[in-house]
Amino acid sequence: MLAASFILLLLASLVNFFFSTQILRKVSAADVKLSFFEMRWQVHKHLKLYKQLCRQESGRLGSEYYGYWLSLIVMIGAALVMFYQLPWHTLE
């Protein structure tokens, strides 16, 4: 179960990275200056602008927004499952 949680965490991280990149590409296409550091760690800073851009273009949120949050929740859940599955009894 620990290995399955690790694999799920890894896959969710890759999916999250993909959606983060897609979100930042759309924001960058709207002539917003992005630094290299923001390409991965500052996605939350630009989510509000991404929502505005999507609503202006199509009237609804893009699928990247939902994919980003869903993959983030799966990452946190998999990390918690891994944490609780660690053999804590061997530390005593």
PDB file of N, CA and C in Angstrom:
ATOM      1  N   MET A   1       0.823  -1.193   0.000  1.00  0.00           N
ATOM      2  CA  MET A   1       0.000   0.000   0.000  1.00  0.00           C
ATOM      3  C   MET A   1       0.869   1.260   0.000  1.00  0.00           C
ATOM      4  N   LEU A   2       2.016   1.179   0.657  1.00  0.00           N
ATOM      5  CA  LEU A   2       2.924   2.324   0.690  1.00  0.00           C
ATOM      6  C   LEU A   2       3.465   2.611  -0.706  1.00  0.00           C
ATOM      7  N   ALA A   3       3.804   1.560  -1.440  1.00  0.00           N
ATOM      8  CA  ALA A   3       4.315   1.741  -2.802  1.00  0.00           C
ATOM      9  C   ALA A   3       3.232   2.306  -3.718  1.00  0.00           C
ATOM     10  N   ALA A   4       1.997   1.848  -3.554  1.00  0.00           N
ATOM     11  CA  ALA A   4       0.894   2.359  -4.374  1.00  0.00           C
ATOM     12  C   ALA A   4       0.652   3.838  -4.083  1.00  0.00           C
ATOM     13  N   SER A   5       0.754   4.223  -2.827  1.00  0.00           N
ATOM     14  CA  SER A   5       0.580   5.631  -2.469  1.00  0.00           C
ATOM     15  C   SER A   5       1.695   6.477  -3.061  1.00  0.00           C
ATOM     16  N   PHE A   6       2.900   5.933  -3.062  1.00  0.00           N
ATOM     17  CA  PHE A   6       4.032   6.658  -3.640  1.00  0.00           C
ATOM     18  C   PHE A   6       3.840   6.844  -5.140  1.00  0.00           C
ATOM     19  N   ILE A   7       3.397   5.806  -5.815  1.00  0.00           N
ATOM     20  CA  ILE A   7       3.159   5.899  -7.258  1.00  0.00           C
ATOM     21  C   ILE A   7       2.046   6.901  -7.544  1.00  0.00           C
ATOM     22  N   LEU A   8       0.983   6.866  -6.738  1.00  0.00           N
ATOM     23  CA  LEU A   8      -0.106   7.826  -6.906  1.00  0.00           C
ATOM     24  C   LEU A   8       0.386   9.251  -6.677  1.00  0.00           C
ATOM     25  N   LEU A   9       1.217   9.442  -5.684  1.00  0.00           N
ATOM     26  CA  LEU A   9       1.792  10.761  -5.416  1.00  0.00           C
ATOM     27  C   LEU A   9       2.638  11.233  -6.589  1.00  0.00           C
ATOM     28  N   LEU A  10       3.431  10.355  -7.136  1.00  0.00           N
ATOM     29  CA  LEU A  10       4.278  10.705  -8.270  1.00  0.00           C
ATOM     30  C   LEU A  10       3.443  11.067  -9.494  1.00  0.00           C
ATOM     31  N   LEU A  11       2.440  10.264  -9.798  1.00  0.00           N
ATOM     32  CA  LEU A  11       1.586  10.543 -10.951  1.00  0.00           C
ATOM     33  C   LEU A  11       0.792  11.835 -10.770  1.00  0.00           C
ATOM     34  N   ALA A  12       0.256  12.044  -9.580  1.00  0.00           N
ATOM     35  CA  ALA A  12      -0.493  13.275  -9.316  1.00  0.00           C
ATOM     36  C   ALA A  12       0.422  14.492  -9.409  1.00  0.00           C
ATOM     37  N   SER A  13       1.667  14.344  -9.004  1.00  0.00           N
ATOM     38  CA  SER A  13       2.626  15.450  -9.114  1.00  0.00           C
ATOM     39  C   SER A  13       2.897  15.805 -10.568  1.00  0.00           C
ATOM     40  N   LEU A  14       3.029  14.801 -11.409  1.00  0.00           N
ATOM     41  CA  LEU A  14       3.258  15.055 -12.828  1.00  0.00           C
ATOM     42  C   LEU A  14       2.039  15.711 -13.480  1.00  0.00           C
ATOM     43  N   VAL A  15       0.857  15.243 -13.132  1.00  0.00           N
ATOM     44  CA  VAL A  15      -0.366  15.838 -13.665  1.00  0.00           C
ATOM     45  C   VAL A  15      -0.496  17.285 -13.186  1.00  0.00           C
ATOM     46  N   ASN A  16      -0.181  17.521 -11.920  1.00  0.00           N
ATOM     47  CA  ASN A  16      -0.245  18.868 -11.372  1.00  0.00           C
ATOM     48  C   ASN A  16       0.744  19.784 -12.073  1.00  0.00           C
ATOM     49  N   PHE A  17       1.928  19.288 -12.349  1.00  0.00           N
ATOM     50  CA  PHE A  17       2.929  20.074 -13.067  1.00  0.00           C
ATOM     51  C   PHE A  17       2.436  20.421 -14.471  1.00  0.00           C
ATOM     52  N   PHE A  18       1.800  19.468 -15.126  1.00  0.00           N
ATOM     53  CA  PHE A  18       1.258  19.711 -16.463  1.00  0.00           C
ATOM     54  C   PHE A  18       0.206  20.817 -16.430  1.00  0.00           C
ATOM     55  N   PHE A  19      -0.749  20.723 -15.504  1.00  0.00           N
ATOM     56  CA  PHE A  19      -1.794  21.737 -15.426  1.00  0.00           C
ATOM     57  C   PHE A  19      -1.234  23.093 -15.004  1.00  0.00           C
ATOM     58  N   SER A  20      -0.245  23.094 -14.140  1.00  0.00           N
ATOM     59  CA  SER A  20       0.399  24.351 -13.750  1.00  0.00           C
ATOM     60  C   SER A  20       1.029  25.026 -14.960  1.00  0.00           C
ATOM     61  N   THR A  21       1.689  24.236 -15.767  1.00  0.00           N
ATOM     62  CA  THR A  21       2.321  24.773 -16.967  1.00  0.00           C
ATOM     63  C   THR A  21       1.283  25.329 -17.931  1.00  0.00           C
ATOM     64  N   GLN A  22       0.180  24.624 -18.089  1.00  0.00           N
ATOM     65  CA  GLN A  22      -0.873  25.088 -18.991  1.00  0.00           C
ATOM     66  C   GLN A  22      -1.488  26.400 -18.503  1.00  0.00           C
ATOM     67  N   ILE A  23      -1.712  26.491 -17.206  1.00  0.00           N
ATOM     68  CA  ILE A  23      -2.267  27.717 -16.634  1.00  0.00           C
ATOM     69  C   ILE A  23      -1.315  28.885 -16.852  1.00  0.00           C
ATOM     70  N   LEU A  24      -0.039  28.670 -16.576  1.00  0.00           N
ATOM     71  CA  LEU A  24       0.928  29.758 -16.722  1.00  0.00           C
ATOM     72  C   LEU A  24       1.173  30.128 -18.175  1.00  0.00           C
ATOM     73  N   ARG A  25       1.020  29.181 -19.089  1.00  0.00           N
ATOM     74  CA  ARG A  25       1.132  29.516 -20.513  1.00  0.00           C
ATOM     75  C   ARG A  25       0.008  30.459 -20.935  1.00  0.00           C
ATOM     76  N   LYS A  26      -1.182  30.167 -20.446  1.00  0.00           N
ATOM     77  CA  LYS A  26      -2.315  31.025 -20.799  1.00  0.00           C
ATOM     78  C   LYS A  26      -2.139  32.422 -20.197  1.00  0.00           C
ATOM     79  N   VAL A  27      -1.667  32.487 -18.970  1.00  0.00           N
ATOM     80  CA  VAL A  27      -1.430  33.783 -18.336  1.00  0.00           C
ATOM     81  C   VAL A  27      -0.305  34.523 -19.049  1.00  0.00           C
ATOM     82  N   SER A  28       0.711  33.805 -19.436  1.00  0.00           N
ATOM     83  CA  SER A  28       1.838  34.413 -20.135  1.00  0.00           C
ATOM     84  C   SER A  28       1.420  34.923 -21.514  1.00  0.00           C
ATOM     85  N   ALA A  29       0.496  34.238 -22.151  1.00  0.00           N
ATOM     86  CA  ALA A  29       0.015  34.677 -23.463  1.00  0.00           C
ATOM     87  C   ALA A  29      -0.757  35.991 -23.363  1.00  0.00           C
ATOM     88  N   ALA A  30      -1.232  36.330 -22.176  1.00  0.00           N
ATOM     89  CA  ALA A  30      -1.954  37.588 -21.962  1.00  0.00           C
ATOM     90  C   ALA A  30      -0.998  38.709 -21.590  1.00  0.00           C
ATOM     91  N   ASP A  31       0.267  38.564 -21.951  1.00  0.00           N
ATOM     92  CA  ASP A  31       1.303  39.580 -21.739  1.00  0.00           C
ATOM     93  C   ASP A  31       1.557  39.883 -20.267  1.00  0.00           C
ATOM     94  N   VAL A  32       1.528  38.863 -19.441  1.00  0.00           N
ATOM     95  CA  VAL A  32       1.898  38.994 -18.031  1.00  0.00           C
ATOM     96  C   VAL A  32       3.317  38.465 -17.896  1.00  0.00           C
ATOM     97  N   LYS A  33       4.185  39.257 -17.316  1.00  0.00           N
ATOM     98  CA  LYS A  33       5.589  38.879 -17.157  1.00  0.00           C
ATOM     99  C   LYS A  33       5.717  37.825 -16.054  1.00  0.00           C
ATOM    100  N   LEU A  34       6.310  36.686 -16.387  1.00  0.00           N
ATOM    101  CA  LEU A  34       6.529  35.604 -15.433  1.00  0.00           C
ATOM    102  C   LEU A  34       8.019  35.328 -15.316  1.00  0.00           C
ATOM    103  N   SER A  35       8.477  35.167 -14.082  1.00  0.00           N
ATOM    104  CA  SER A  35       9.872  34.799 -13.882  1.00  0.00           C
ATOM    105  C   SER A  35       9.996  33.277 -13.878  1.00  0.00           C
ATOM    106  N   PHE A  36      11.215  32.778 -13.910  1.00  0.00           N
ATOM    107  CA  PHE A  36      11.443  31.332 -13.912  1.00  0.00           C
ATOM    108  C   PHE A  36      10.929  30.697 -12.623  1.00  0.00           C
ATOM    109  N   PHE A  37      11.106  31.380 -11.498  1.00  0.00           N
ATOM    110  CA  PHE A  37      10.648  30.845 -10.211  1.00  0.00           C
ATOM    111  C   PHE A  37       9.132  30.652 -10.203  1.00  0.00           C
ATOM    112  N   GLU A  38       8.422  31.543 -10.861  1.00  0.00           N
ATOM    113  CA  GLU A  38       6.965  31.456 -10.881  1.00  0.00           C
ATOM    114  C   GLU A  38       6.458  30.312 -11.747  1.00  0.00           C
ATOM    115  N   MET A  39       7.288  29.801 -12.590  1.00  0.00           N
ATOM    116  CA  MET A  39       6.837  28.736 -13.474  1.00  0.00           C
ATOM    117  C   MET A  39       6.381  27.492 -12.716  1.00  0.00           C
ATOM    118  N   ARG A  40       6.828  27.297 -11.507  1.00  0.00           N
ATOM    119  CA  ARG A  40       6.360  26.130 -10.772  1.00  0.00           C
ATOM    120  C   ARG A  40       5.816  26.462  -9.393  1.00  0.00           C
ATOM    121  N   TRP A  41       6.382  27.403  -8.712  1.00  0.00           N
ATOM    122  CA  TRP A  41       6.063  27.590  -7.305  1.00  0.00           C
ATOM    123  C   TRP A  41       5.089  28.724  -7.030  1.00  0.00           C
ATOM    124  N   GLN A  42       4.764  29.524  -8.001  1.00  0.00           N
ATOM    125  CA  GLN A  42       3.886  30.666  -7.765  1.00  0.00           C
ATOM    126  C   GLN A  42       2.610  30.595  -8.602  1.00  0.00           C
ATOM    127  N   VAL A  43       2.114  29.410  -8.846  1.00  0.00           N
ATOM    128  CA  VAL A  43       0.914  29.246  -9.658  1.00  0.00           C
ATOM    129  C   VAL A  43      -0.287  29.872  -8.960  1.00  0.00           C
ATOM    130  N   HIS A  44      -0.370  29.739  -7.650  1.00  0.00           N
ATOM    131  CA  HIS A  44      -1.503  30.290  -6.908  1.00  0.00           C
ATOM    132  C   HIS A  44      -1.623  31.798  -7.095  1.00  0.00           C
ATOM    133  N   LYS A  45      -0.507  32.446  -7.291  1.00  0.00           N
ATOM    134  CA  LYS A  45      -0.489  33.894  -7.465  1.00  0.00           C
ATOM    135  C   LYS A  45      -1.252  34.312  -8.721  1.00  0.00           C
ATOM    136  N   HIS A  46      -1.292  33.449  -9.732  1.00  0.00           N
ATOM    137  CA  HIS A  46      -1.881  33.802 -11.021  1.00  0.00           C
ATOM    138  C   HIS A  46      -3.217  33.112 -11.281  1.00  0.00           C
ATOM    139  N   LEU A  47      -3.739  32.364 -10.333  1.00  0.00           N
ATOM    140  CA  LEU A  47      -5.001  31.667 -10.563  1.00  0.00           C
ATOM    141  C   LEU A  47      -6.174  32.624 -10.751  1.00  0.00           C
ATOM    142  N   LYS A  48      -6.182  33.718 -10.021  1.00  0.00           N
ATOM    143  CA  LYS A  48      -7.277  34.686 -10.158  1.00  0.00           C
ATOM    144  C   LYS A  48      -7.273  35.296 -11.561  1.00  0.00           C
ATOM    145  N   LEU A  49      -6.099  35.634 -12.055  1.00  0.00           N
ATOM    146  CA  LEU A  49      -5.995  36.178 -13.412  1.00  0.00           C
ATOM    147  C   LEU A  49      -6.394  35.133 -14.443  1.00  0.00           C
ATOM    148  N   TYR A  50      -6.016  33.885 -14.220  1.00  0.00           N
ATOM    149  CA  TYR A  50      -6.397  32.803 -15.128  1.00  0.00           C
ATOM    150  C   TYR A  50      -7.921  32.659 -15.187  1.00  0.00           C
ATOM    151  N   LYS A  51      -8.570  32.727 -14.029  1.00  0.00           N
ATOM    152  CA  LYS A  51     -10.026  32.640 -14.000  1.00  0.00           C
ATOM    153  C   LYS A  51     -10.660  33.781 -14.786  1.00  0.00           C
ATOM    154  N   GLN A  52     -10.125  34.992 -14.630  1.00  0.00           N
ATOM    155  CA  GLN A  52     -10.658  36.144 -15.359  1.00  0.00           C
ATOM    156  C   GLN A  52     -10.486  35.972 -16.865  1.00  0.00           C
ATOM    157  N   LEU A  53      -9.315  35.502 -17.275  1.00  0.00           N
ATOM    158  CA  LEU A  53      -9.058  35.314 -18.704  1.00  0.00           C
ATOM    159  C   LEU A  53      -9.991  34.269 -19.302  1.00  0.00           C
ATOM    160  N   CYS A  54     -10.202  33.175 -18.592  1.00  0.00           N
ATOM    161  CA  CYS A  54     -11.086  32.115 -19.097  1.00  0.00           C
ATOM    162  C   CYS A  54     -12.524  32.597 -19.197  1.00  0.00           C
ATOM    163  N   ARG A  55     -12.958  33.346 -18.213  1.00  0.00           N
ATOM    164  CA  ARG A  55     -14.346  33.833 -18.234  1.00  0.00           C
ATOM    165  C   ARG A  55     -14.555  34.873 -19.325  1.00  0.00           C
ATOM    166  N   GLN A  56     -13.519  35.641 -19.638  1.00  0.00           N
ATOM    167  CA  GLN A  56     -13.633  36.604 -20.732  1.00  0.00           C
ATOM    168  C   GLN A  56     -13.700  35.898 -22.083  1.00  0.00           C
ATOM    169  N   GLU A  57     -12.931  34.821 -22.238  1.00  0.00           N
ATOM    170  CA  GLU A  57     -12.875  34.124 -23.520  1.00  0.00           C
ATOM    171  C   GLU A  57     -14.104  33.262 -23.773  1.00  0.00           C
ATOM    172  N   SER A  58     -14.448  32.416 -22.801  1.00  0.00           N
ATOM    173  CA  SER A  58     -15.504  31.432 -23.053  1.00  0.00           C
ATOM    174  C   SER A  58     -16.703  31.548 -22.118  1.00  0.00           C
ATOM    175  N   GLY A  59     -16.594  32.353 -21.084  1.00  0.00           N
ATOM    176  CA  GLY A  59     -17.693  32.496 -20.148  1.00  0.00           C
ATOM    177  C   GLY A  59     -17.696  31.468 -19.031  1.00  0.00           C
ATOM    178  N   ARG A  60     -16.709  30.585 -19.011  1.00  0.00           N
ATOM    179  CA  ARG A  60     -16.614  29.591 -17.936  1.00  0.00           C
ATOM    180  C   ARG A  60     -15.141  29.303 -17.664  1.00  0.00           C
ATOM    181  N   LEU A  61     -14.896  28.578 -16.583  1.00  0.00           N
ATOM    182  CA  LEU A  61     -13.513  28.249 -16.219  1.00  0.00           C
ATOM    183  C   LEU A  61     -12.960  27.153 -17.124  1.00  0.00           C
ATOM    184  N   GLY A  62     -11.664  27.193 -17.334  1.00  0.00           N
ATOM    185  CA  GLY A  62     -11.018  26.173 -18.129  1.00  0.00           C
ATOM    186  C   GLY A  62     -10.830  24.886 -17.346  1.00  0.00           C
ATOM    187  N   SER A  63     -10.677  23.803 -18.061  1.00  0.00           N
ATOM    188  CA  SER A  63     -10.505  22.501 -17.402  1.00  0.00           C
ATOM    189  C   SER A  63      -9.180  22.419 -16.651  1.00  0.00           C
ATOM    190  N   GLU A  64      -8.218  23.247 -17.027  1.00  0.00           N
ATOM    191  CA  GLU A  64      -6.928  23.241 -16.335  1.00  0.00           C
ATOM    192  C   GLU A  64      -7.077  23.659 -14.878  1.00  0.00           C
ATOM    193  N   TYR A  65      -7.991  24.566 -14.619  1.00  0.00           N
ATOM    194  CA  TYR A  65      -8.215  25.038 -13.248  1.00  0.00           C
ATOM    195  C   TYR A  65      -8.674  23.885 -12.357  1.00  0.00           C
ATOM    196  N   TYR A  66      -9.661  23.147 -12.844  1.00  0.00           N
ATOM    197  CA  TYR A  66     -10.173  22.019 -12.060  1.00  0.00           C
ATOM    198  C   TYR A  66      -9.145  20.890 -11.964  1.00  0.00           C
ATOM    199  N   GLY A  67      -8.424  20.653 -13.050  1.00  0.00           N
ATOM    200  CA  GLY A  67      -7.388  19.623 -13.038  1.00  0.00           C
ATOM    201  C   GLY A  67      -6.265  19.951 -12.071  1.00  0.00           C
ATOM    202  N   TYR A  68      -5.926  21.228 -12.000  1.00  0.00           N
ATOM    203  CA  TYR A  68      -4.881  21.656 -11.074  1.00  0.00           C
ATOM    204  C   TYR A  68      -5.297  21.385  -9.629  1.00  0.00           C
ATOM    205  N   TRP A  69      -6.496  21.816  -9.259  1.00  0.00           N
ATOM    206  CA  TRP A  69      -6.940  21.646  -7.873  1.00  0.00           C
ATOM    207  C   TRP A  69      -7.183  20.178  -7.531  1.00  0.00           C
ATOM    208  N   LEU A  70      -7.741  19.408  -8.455  1.00  0.00           N
ATOM    209  CA  LEU A  70      -7.986  17.998  -8.188  1.00  0.00           C
ATOM    210  C   LEU A  70      -6.677  17.242  -7.998  1.00  0.00           C
ATOM    211  N   SER A  71      -5.705  17.508  -8.855  1.00  0.00           N
ATOM    212  CA  SER A  71      -4.417  16.826  -8.713  1.00  0.00           C
ATOM    213  C   SER A  71      -3.694  17.267  -7.442  1.00  0.00           C
ATOM    214  N   LEU A  72      -3.867  18.510  -7.030  1.00  0.00           N
ATOM    215  CA  LEU A  72      -3.264  18.973  -5.786  1.00  0.00           C
ATOM    216  C   LEU A  72      -3.877  18.261  -4.582  1.00  0.00           C
ATOM    217  N   ILE A  73      -5.192  18.086  -4.603  1.00  0.00           N
ATOM    218  CA  ILE A  73      -5.870  17.372  -3.516  1.00  0.00           C
ATOM    219  C   ILE A  73      -5.438  15.912  -3.475  1.00  0.00           C
ATOM    220  N   VAL A  74      -5.297  15.286  -4.638  1.00  0.00           N
ATOM    221  CA  VAL A  74      -4.832  13.891  -4.692  1.00  0.00           C
ATOM    222  C   VAL A  74      -3.408  13.788  -4.165  1.00  0.00           C
ATOM    223  N   MET A  75      -2.560  14.760  -4.501  1.00  0.00           N
ATOM    224  CA  MET A  75      -1.179  14.764  -3.995  1.00  0.00           C
ATOM    225  C   MET A  75      -1.154  14.827  -2.477  1.00  0.00           C
ATOM    226  N   ILE A  76      -1.931  15.723  -1.901  1.00  0.00           N
ATOM    227  CA  ILE A  76      -1.958  15.868  -0.447  1.00  0.00           C
ATOM    228  C   ILE A  76      -2.510  14.601   0.197  1.00  0.00           C
ATOM    229  N   GLY A  77      -3.569  14.044  -0.387  1.00  0.00           N
ATOM    230  CA  GLY A  77      -4.144  12.807   0.149  1.00  0.00           C
ATOM    231  C   GLY A  77      -3.171  11.644   0.096  1.00  0.00           C
ATOM    232  N   ALA A  78      -2.461  11.495  -1.017  1.00  0.00           N
ATOM    233  CA  ALA A  78      -1.486  10.409  -1.141  1.00  0.00           C
ATOM    234  C   ALA A  78      -0.337  10.598  -0.159  1.00  0.00           C
ATOM    235  N   ALA A  79       0.091  11.831   0.043  1.00  0.00           N
ATOM    236  CA  ALA A  79       1.162  12.093   1.002  1.00  0.00           C
ATOM    237  C   ALA A  79       0.718  11.754   2.425  1.00  0.00           C
ATOM    238  N   LEU A  80      -0.530  12.084   2.762  1.00  0.00           N
ATOM    239  CA  LEU A  80      -1.041  11.743   4.094  1.00  0.00           C
ATOM    240  C   LEU A  80      -1.156  10.239   4.292  1.00  0.00           C
ATOM    241  N   VAL A  81      -1.621   9.544   3.263  1.00  0.00           N
ATOM    242  CA  VAL A  81      -1.711   8.081   3.359  1.00  0.00           C
ATOM    243  C   VAL A  81      -0.325   7.484   3.531  1.00  0.00           C
ATOM    244  N   MET A  82       0.648   7.986   2.797  1.00  0.00           N
ATOM    245  CA  MET A  82       2.023   7.497   2.943  1.00  0.00           C
ATOM    246  C   MET A  82       2.553   7.767   4.344  1.00  0.00           C
ATOM    247  N   PHE A  83       2.259   8.938   4.860  1.00  0.00           N
ATOM    248  CA  PHE A  83       2.731   9.298   6.192  1.00  0.00           C
ATOM    249  C   PHE A  83       2.179   8.339   7.244  1.00  0.00           C
ATOM    250  N   TYR A  84       0.897   8.024   7.152  1.00  0.00           N
ATOM    251  CA  TYR A  84       0.292   7.141   8.145  1.00  0.00           C
ATOM    252  C   TYR A  84       0.649   5.678   7.933  1.00  0.00           C
ATOM    253  N   GLN A  85       1.161   5.322   6.768  1.00  0.00           N
ATOM    254  CA  GLN A  85       1.544   3.940   6.477  1.00  0.00           C
ATOM    255  C   GLN A  85       3.002   3.649   6.842  1.00  0.00           C
ATOM    256  N   LEU A  86       3.756   4.652   7.193  1.00  0.00           N
ATOM    257  CA  LEU A  86       5.153   4.430   7.559  1.00  0.00           C
ATOM    258  C   LEU A  86       5.247   3.570   8.812  1.00  0.00           C
ATOM    259  N   PRO A  87       6.273   2.759   8.906  1.00  0.00           N
ATOM    260  CA  PRO A  87       6.405   1.859  10.075  1.00  0.00           C
ATOM    261  C   PRO A  87       6.917   2.612  11.298  1.00  0.00           C
ATOM    262  N   TRP A  88       6.044   3.332  11.959  1.00  0.00           N
ATOM    263  CA  TRP A  88       6.420   4.119  13.118  1.00  0.00           C
ATOM    264  C   TRP A  88       6.810   3.252  14.314  1.00  0.00           C
ATOM    265  N   HIS A  89       6.314   2.036  14.385  1.00  0.00           N
ATOM    266  CA  HIS A  89       6.611   1.181  15.525  1.00  0.00           C
ATOM    267  C   HIS A  89       8.080   0.761  15.569  1.00  0.00           C
ATOM    268  N   THR A  90       8.786   0.858  14.464  1.00  0.00           N
ATOM    269  CA  THR A  90      10.203   0.476  14.456  1.00  0.00           C
ATOM    270  C   THR A  90      11.108   1.579  15.007  1.00  0.00           C
ATOM    271  N   LEU A  91      10.575   2.759  15.227  1.00  0.00           N
ATOM    272  CA  LEU A  91      11.383   3.875  15.730  1.00  0.00           C
ATOM    273  C   LEU A  91      11.575   3.816  17.239  1.00  0.00           C
ATOM    274  N   GLU A  92      10.787   3.030  17.931  1.00  0.00           N
ATOM    275  CA  GLU A  92      10.868   2.982  19.391  1.00  0.00           C
ATOM    276  C   GLU A  92      12.019   2.147  19.876  1.00  0.00           C
TER     277      GLU A  92
END
